[in-house]
N, C-alpha and C. Protein backbone atom coordinates (compact mmCIF):
# COMPACT_ATOMS: atom_id res chain seq x y z
N MET A 1 130.86 145.37 -110.56
CA MET A 1 130.96 144.07 -109.94
C MET A 1 132.21 144.03 -109.07
N THR A 2 132.06 143.48 -107.88
CA THR A 2 133.21 143.29 -107.01
C THR A 2 133.38 141.80 -106.72
N VAL A 3 134.62 141.43 -106.51
CA VAL A 3 134.99 140.05 -106.21
C VAL A 3 135.72 140.07 -104.88
N LYS A 4 135.13 139.43 -103.88
CA LYS A 4 135.72 139.41 -102.55
C LYS A 4 136.13 137.98 -102.21
N PRO A 5 137.44 137.76 -102.02
CA PRO A 5 137.86 136.41 -101.63
C PRO A 5 137.54 136.13 -100.17
N VAL A 6 137.06 134.93 -99.90
CA VAL A 6 136.83 134.45 -98.54
C VAL A 6 137.37 133.03 -98.47
N GLU A 7 137.81 132.64 -97.28
CA GLU A 7 138.38 131.31 -97.14
C GLU A 7 137.83 130.64 -95.89
N ARG A 8 137.57 129.35 -96.03
CA ARG A 8 137.14 128.53 -94.90
C ARG A 8 137.63 127.11 -95.17
N ASN A 9 138.11 126.47 -94.12
CA ASN A 9 138.62 125.09 -94.25
C ASN A 9 139.68 124.97 -95.35
N HIS A 10 140.49 126.02 -95.49
CA HIS A 10 141.57 126.07 -96.48
C HIS A 10 141.06 126.03 -97.92
N ILE A 11 139.81 126.40 -98.12
CA ILE A 11 139.22 126.46 -99.46
C ILE A 11 138.81 127.90 -99.72
N ARG A 12 139.30 128.46 -100.80
CA ARG A 12 139.00 129.85 -101.14
C ARG A 12 137.78 129.91 -102.06
N CYS A 13 136.95 130.91 -101.80
CA CYS A 13 135.78 131.19 -102.62
C CYS A 13 135.79 132.68 -102.98
N ALA A 14 135.04 133.03 -103.98
CA ALA A 14 134.87 134.43 -104.38
C ALA A 14 133.41 134.81 -104.24
N VAL A 15 133.14 135.81 -103.40
CA VAL A 15 131.79 136.33 -103.26
C VAL A 15 131.64 137.45 -104.29
N ILE A 16 130.71 137.29 -105.19
CA ILE A 16 130.47 138.25 -106.26
C ILE A 16 129.32 139.15 -105.85
N THR A 17 129.54 140.46 -105.93
CA THR A 17 128.47 141.42 -105.62
C THR A 17 128.37 142.45 -106.73
N SER A 18 127.18 142.97 -106.90
CA SER A 18 126.93 143.99 -107.90
C SER A 18 125.57 144.62 -107.63
N GLU A 19 125.39 145.80 -108.13
CA GLU A 19 124.10 146.47 -108.02
C GLU A 19 123.12 146.02 -109.10
N GLU A 20 123.62 145.31 -110.10
CA GLU A 20 122.79 144.87 -111.21
C GLU A 20 123.21 143.47 -111.64
N PRO A 21 122.38 142.79 -112.40
CA PRO A 21 122.74 141.45 -112.86
C PRO A 21 124.07 141.46 -113.63
N VAL A 22 124.89 140.45 -113.39
CA VAL A 22 126.18 140.34 -114.08
C VAL A 22 126.23 139.12 -115.00
N ILE A 23 125.32 138.18 -114.81
CA ILE A 23 125.27 137.00 -115.67
C ILE A 23 124.00 137.09 -116.51
N LEU A 24 124.21 137.48 -117.77
CA LEU A 24 123.10 137.69 -118.69
C LEU A 24 123.05 136.62 -119.78
N ASP A 25 124.19 135.98 -120.02
CA ASP A 25 124.31 134.95 -121.04
C ASP A 25 125.53 134.10 -120.72
N ALA A 26 125.81 133.11 -121.57
CA ALA A 26 126.91 132.20 -121.29
C ALA A 26 128.26 132.92 -121.27
N GLN A 27 128.45 133.88 -122.15
CA GLN A 27 129.73 134.59 -122.20
C GLN A 27 129.95 135.42 -120.94
N SER A 28 128.93 136.12 -120.48
CA SER A 28 129.11 136.92 -119.26
C SER A 28 129.34 136.01 -118.05
N ALA A 29 128.73 134.82 -118.06
CA ALA A 29 128.96 133.86 -116.97
C ALA A 29 130.41 133.41 -116.96
N LEU A 30 130.95 133.15 -118.13
CA LEU A 30 132.36 132.76 -118.24
C LEU A 30 133.27 133.91 -117.83
N ASP A 31 132.91 135.13 -118.20
CA ASP A 31 133.68 136.31 -117.80
C ASP A 31 133.74 136.44 -116.28
N VAL A 32 132.62 136.21 -115.60
CA VAL A 32 132.58 136.28 -114.13
C VAL A 32 133.50 135.22 -113.54
N LEU A 33 133.44 134.00 -114.07
CA LEU A 33 134.29 132.92 -113.57
C LEU A 33 135.77 133.27 -113.73
N MET A 34 136.15 133.77 -114.90
CA MET A 34 137.55 134.09 -115.14
C MET A 34 138.01 135.30 -114.32
N ARG A 35 137.13 136.26 -114.12
CA ARG A 35 137.49 137.41 -113.29
C ARG A 35 137.71 136.98 -111.84
N ALA A 36 136.87 136.09 -111.34
CA ALA A 36 137.05 135.57 -109.98
C ALA A 36 138.37 134.82 -109.87
N PHE A 37 138.70 134.05 -110.88
CA PHE A 37 139.96 133.31 -110.87
C PHE A 37 141.14 134.28 -110.88
N TYR A 38 141.06 135.33 -111.68
CA TYR A 38 142.14 136.31 -111.78
C TYR A 38 142.27 137.14 -110.50
N GLU A 39 141.14 137.62 -109.96
CA GLU A 39 141.18 138.53 -108.81
C GLU A 39 141.25 137.82 -107.47
N ALA A 40 140.66 136.64 -107.35
CA ALA A 40 140.61 135.96 -106.05
C ALA A 40 141.34 134.62 -106.05
N GLY A 41 141.80 134.18 -107.21
CA GLY A 41 142.53 132.93 -107.28
C GLY A 41 141.68 131.69 -107.05
N THR A 42 140.41 131.76 -107.41
CA THR A 42 139.51 130.62 -107.20
C THR A 42 138.45 130.56 -108.29
N LYS A 43 137.94 129.37 -108.50
CA LYS A 43 136.80 129.17 -109.40
C LYS A 43 135.57 128.73 -108.62
N ASN A 44 135.58 128.95 -107.31
CA ASN A 44 134.43 128.68 -106.44
C ASN A 44 133.67 129.98 -106.26
N LEU A 45 132.50 130.08 -106.86
CA LEU A 45 131.75 131.34 -106.86
C LEU A 45 130.54 131.28 -105.95
N ILE A 46 130.31 132.39 -105.26
CA ILE A 46 129.12 132.59 -104.44
C ILE A 46 128.43 133.84 -104.95
N LEU A 47 127.16 133.71 -105.34
CA LEU A 47 126.47 134.92 -105.76
C LEU A 47 124.97 134.85 -105.50
N ASP A 48 124.42 136.02 -105.28
CA ASP A 48 122.99 136.20 -105.07
C ASP A 48 122.27 135.89 -106.39
N LYS A 49 121.15 135.22 -106.32
CA LYS A 49 120.40 134.88 -107.53
C LYS A 49 119.97 136.12 -108.32
N ARG A 50 119.90 137.27 -107.66
CA ARG A 50 119.53 138.51 -108.35
C ARG A 50 120.60 138.94 -109.36
N LEU A 51 121.79 138.35 -109.27
CA LEU A 51 122.86 138.69 -110.20
C LEU A 51 122.78 137.91 -111.50
N LEU A 52 121.81 137.01 -111.59
CA LEU A 52 121.58 136.24 -112.82
C LEU A 52 120.31 136.75 -113.50
N THR A 53 120.34 136.79 -114.81
CA THR A 53 119.14 137.15 -115.56
C THR A 53 118.03 136.17 -115.21
N GLU A 54 116.82 136.64 -115.20
CA GLU A 54 115.68 135.78 -114.87
C GLU A 54 115.53 134.66 -115.90
N ASP A 55 116.06 134.86 -117.10
CA ASP A 55 116.02 133.80 -118.12
C ASP A 55 116.75 132.54 -117.66
N PHE A 56 117.71 132.68 -116.77
CA PHE A 56 118.42 131.52 -116.23
C PHE A 56 117.43 130.54 -115.59
N PHE A 57 116.43 131.07 -114.92
CA PHE A 57 115.47 130.25 -114.18
C PHE A 57 114.29 129.78 -115.03
N ARG A 58 114.25 130.19 -116.29
CA ARG A 58 113.29 129.66 -117.26
C ARG A 58 114.03 128.60 -118.07
N LEU A 59 113.88 127.36 -117.67
CA LEU A 59 114.68 126.29 -118.27
C LEU A 59 114.45 126.15 -119.76
N SER A 60 113.31 126.58 -120.24
CA SER A 60 113.03 126.48 -121.68
C SER A 60 113.99 127.31 -122.52
N THR A 61 114.66 128.29 -121.93
CA THR A 61 115.64 129.10 -122.67
C THR A 61 116.93 128.34 -122.91
N GLY A 62 117.20 127.32 -122.11
CA GLY A 62 118.45 126.57 -122.23
C GLY A 62 119.64 127.24 -121.59
N LEU A 63 119.44 128.44 -121.06
CA LEU A 63 120.55 129.21 -120.51
C LEU A 63 121.17 128.57 -119.28
N ALA A 64 120.36 128.07 -118.38
CA ALA A 64 120.90 127.45 -117.16
C ALA A 64 121.79 126.27 -117.52
N GLY A 65 121.33 125.41 -118.39
CA GLY A 65 122.13 124.26 -118.79
C GLY A 65 123.43 124.66 -119.45
N GLU A 66 123.37 125.66 -120.32
CA GLU A 66 124.57 126.13 -121.01
C GLU A 66 125.59 126.71 -120.02
N ILE A 67 125.12 127.54 -119.10
CA ILE A 67 126.02 128.17 -118.13
C ILE A 67 126.60 127.14 -117.18
N LEU A 68 125.77 126.30 -116.62
CA LEU A 68 126.26 125.32 -115.65
C LEU A 68 127.22 124.34 -116.30
N GLN A 69 126.97 123.96 -117.54
CA GLN A 69 127.89 123.06 -118.24
C GLN A 69 129.24 123.74 -118.47
N LYS A 70 129.22 125.02 -118.83
CA LYS A 70 130.48 125.75 -119.00
C LYS A 70 131.26 125.79 -117.69
N TYR A 71 130.58 126.08 -116.60
CA TYR A 71 131.27 126.14 -115.31
C TYR A 71 131.92 124.81 -114.96
N VAL A 72 131.19 123.74 -115.15
CA VAL A 72 131.74 122.41 -114.84
C VAL A 72 132.92 122.11 -115.78
N ASN A 73 132.77 122.43 -117.07
CA ASN A 73 133.85 122.18 -118.03
C ASN A 73 135.12 122.96 -117.69
N TYR A 74 134.98 124.15 -117.14
CA TYR A 74 136.13 124.99 -116.79
C TYR A 74 136.58 124.78 -115.35
N GLY A 75 136.04 123.79 -114.68
CA GLY A 75 136.45 123.50 -113.30
C GLY A 75 135.85 124.43 -112.27
N GLY A 76 134.79 125.12 -112.64
CA GLY A 76 134.15 126.05 -111.72
C GLY A 76 133.10 125.37 -110.87
N ARG A 77 132.89 125.95 -109.71
CA ARG A 77 131.82 125.51 -108.81
C ARG A 77 131.06 126.77 -108.43
N ILE A 78 129.76 126.66 -108.26
CA ILE A 78 128.95 127.84 -107.99
C ILE A 78 127.87 127.53 -106.97
N ALA A 79 127.68 128.47 -106.06
CA ALA A 79 126.58 128.40 -105.10
C ALA A 79 125.77 129.69 -105.26
N ILE A 80 124.53 129.53 -105.63
CA ILE A 80 123.64 130.66 -105.87
C ILE A 80 122.64 130.71 -104.72
N TYR A 81 122.61 131.85 -104.03
CA TYR A 81 121.72 131.94 -102.88
C TYR A 81 120.57 132.91 -103.13
N GLY A 82 119.45 132.63 -102.49
CA GLY A 82 118.28 133.49 -102.61
C GLY A 82 117.01 132.71 -102.34
N ASP A 83 115.90 133.35 -102.60
CA ASP A 83 114.58 132.76 -102.36
C ASP A 83 114.06 132.17 -103.67
N TYR A 84 113.85 130.88 -103.67
CA TYR A 84 113.35 130.18 -104.86
C TYR A 84 111.89 129.78 -104.71
N SER A 85 111.26 130.17 -103.62
CA SER A 85 109.91 129.68 -103.30
C SER A 85 108.84 130.12 -104.29
N HIS A 86 109.06 131.22 -105.00
CA HIS A 86 108.02 131.70 -105.92
C HIS A 86 108.07 131.02 -107.29
N TYR A 87 109.07 130.20 -107.53
CA TYR A 87 109.13 129.47 -108.80
C TYR A 87 108.24 128.24 -108.71
N THR A 88 107.42 128.05 -109.72
CA THR A 88 106.48 126.93 -109.70
C THR A 88 106.85 125.83 -110.70
N SER A 89 107.88 126.03 -111.46
CA SER A 89 108.29 125.06 -112.48
C SER A 89 108.81 123.77 -111.85
N GLY A 90 108.16 122.67 -112.19
CA GLY A 90 108.62 121.36 -111.71
C GLY A 90 110.03 121.03 -112.18
N PRO A 91 110.34 121.25 -113.47
CA PRO A 91 111.70 120.97 -113.93
C PRO A 91 112.76 121.82 -113.22
N LEU A 92 112.43 123.07 -112.91
CA LEU A 92 113.40 123.90 -112.18
C LEU A 92 113.63 123.35 -110.78
N HIS A 93 112.57 122.97 -110.11
CA HIS A 93 112.73 122.38 -108.78
C HIS A 93 113.54 121.09 -108.85
N ALA A 94 113.35 120.31 -109.90
CA ALA A 94 114.13 119.08 -110.09
C ALA A 94 115.60 119.41 -110.30
N LEU A 95 115.88 120.45 -111.10
CA LEU A 95 117.27 120.88 -111.32
C LEU A 95 117.91 121.30 -110.00
N ILE A 96 117.19 122.07 -109.21
CA ILE A 96 117.71 122.54 -107.92
C ILE A 96 118.02 121.35 -107.02
N CYS A 97 117.08 120.43 -106.91
CA CYS A 97 117.28 119.25 -106.03
C CYS A 97 118.45 118.40 -106.50
N GLU A 98 118.51 118.13 -107.79
CA GLU A 98 119.58 117.30 -108.34
C GLU A 98 120.94 117.99 -108.18
N SER A 99 120.99 119.28 -108.44
CA SER A 99 122.24 120.03 -108.29
C SER A 99 122.74 119.98 -106.86
N ASN A 100 121.83 120.15 -105.92
CA ASN A 100 122.22 120.17 -104.51
C ASN A 100 122.72 118.82 -104.01
N ARG A 101 122.47 117.75 -104.75
CA ARG A 101 123.00 116.43 -104.39
C ARG A 101 124.44 116.25 -104.87
N GLY A 102 124.87 117.11 -105.79
CA GLY A 102 126.20 116.98 -106.38
C GLY A 102 127.25 117.76 -105.61
N ASN A 103 128.34 118.07 -106.30
CA ASN A 103 129.47 118.76 -105.68
C ASN A 103 129.85 120.07 -106.33
N ASP A 104 129.19 120.44 -107.43
CA ASP A 104 129.64 121.59 -108.20
C ASP A 104 128.68 122.77 -108.24
N VAL A 105 127.39 122.50 -108.13
CA VAL A 105 126.37 123.55 -108.27
C VAL A 105 125.39 123.42 -107.11
N PHE A 106 125.15 124.57 -106.44
CA PHE A 106 124.25 124.56 -105.29
C PHE A 106 123.28 125.73 -105.38
N PHE A 107 122.05 125.49 -105.01
CA PHE A 107 121.03 126.52 -104.89
C PHE A 107 120.61 126.52 -103.42
N VAL A 108 120.93 127.59 -102.70
CA VAL A 108 120.72 127.64 -101.26
C VAL A 108 120.02 128.94 -100.89
N SER A 109 119.70 129.08 -99.60
CA SER A 109 118.94 130.25 -99.14
C SER A 109 119.80 131.45 -98.80
N THR A 110 120.98 131.22 -98.21
CA THR A 110 121.77 132.33 -97.69
C THR A 110 123.21 132.28 -98.19
N GLN A 111 123.87 133.41 -98.09
CA GLN A 111 125.28 133.48 -98.46
C GLN A 111 126.12 132.58 -97.55
N GLU A 112 125.79 132.53 -96.29
CA GLU A 112 126.52 131.67 -95.35
C GLU A 112 126.38 130.20 -95.74
N GLU A 113 125.18 129.80 -96.12
CA GLU A 113 124.96 128.42 -96.54
C GLU A 113 125.73 128.12 -97.83
N ALA A 114 125.80 129.11 -98.72
CA ALA A 114 126.57 128.95 -99.96
C ALA A 114 128.04 128.70 -99.64
N LEU A 115 128.59 129.49 -98.73
CA LEU A 115 129.99 129.31 -98.33
C LEU A 115 130.20 127.94 -97.70
N GLU A 116 129.27 127.54 -96.86
CA GLU A 116 129.38 126.25 -96.19
C GLU A 116 129.38 125.10 -97.20
N ARG A 117 128.52 125.17 -98.21
CA ARG A 117 128.43 124.09 -99.20
C ARG A 117 129.70 123.99 -100.04
N LEU A 118 130.29 125.12 -100.39
CA LEU A 118 131.49 125.10 -101.23
C LEU A 118 132.76 124.75 -100.47
N THR A 119 132.71 124.82 -99.15
CA THR A 119 133.94 124.60 -98.36
C THR A 119 133.86 123.36 -97.49
N ARG A 120 133.00 122.44 -97.79
CA ARG A 120 132.90 121.19 -97.04
C ARG A 120 134.12 120.33 -97.28
């Protein structure tokens, strides 16, 4: 996993990259947040949806709620980019829409859009 700091509008973000998923459960999600804070000095995370276990997108597992609540509790903000069009779950689409109305969690299409949402 690599953590690359980027800055726009005087707001720093950490772009997380890896060849394999890095968020598999709540503890690994917290580890990613703390590593970004240590290496890039920010709790604003940008990552490709492929870096999250697919269980995150199955709301019945409770994993998405657990991870997102931890991030908010620790002052983290996250923008997850990728293609969500193949998901058919109504509750997942509702989570995505509701999150995108807020200020802490975003589900977007591109890395550039993720950066733009976190640095408004």
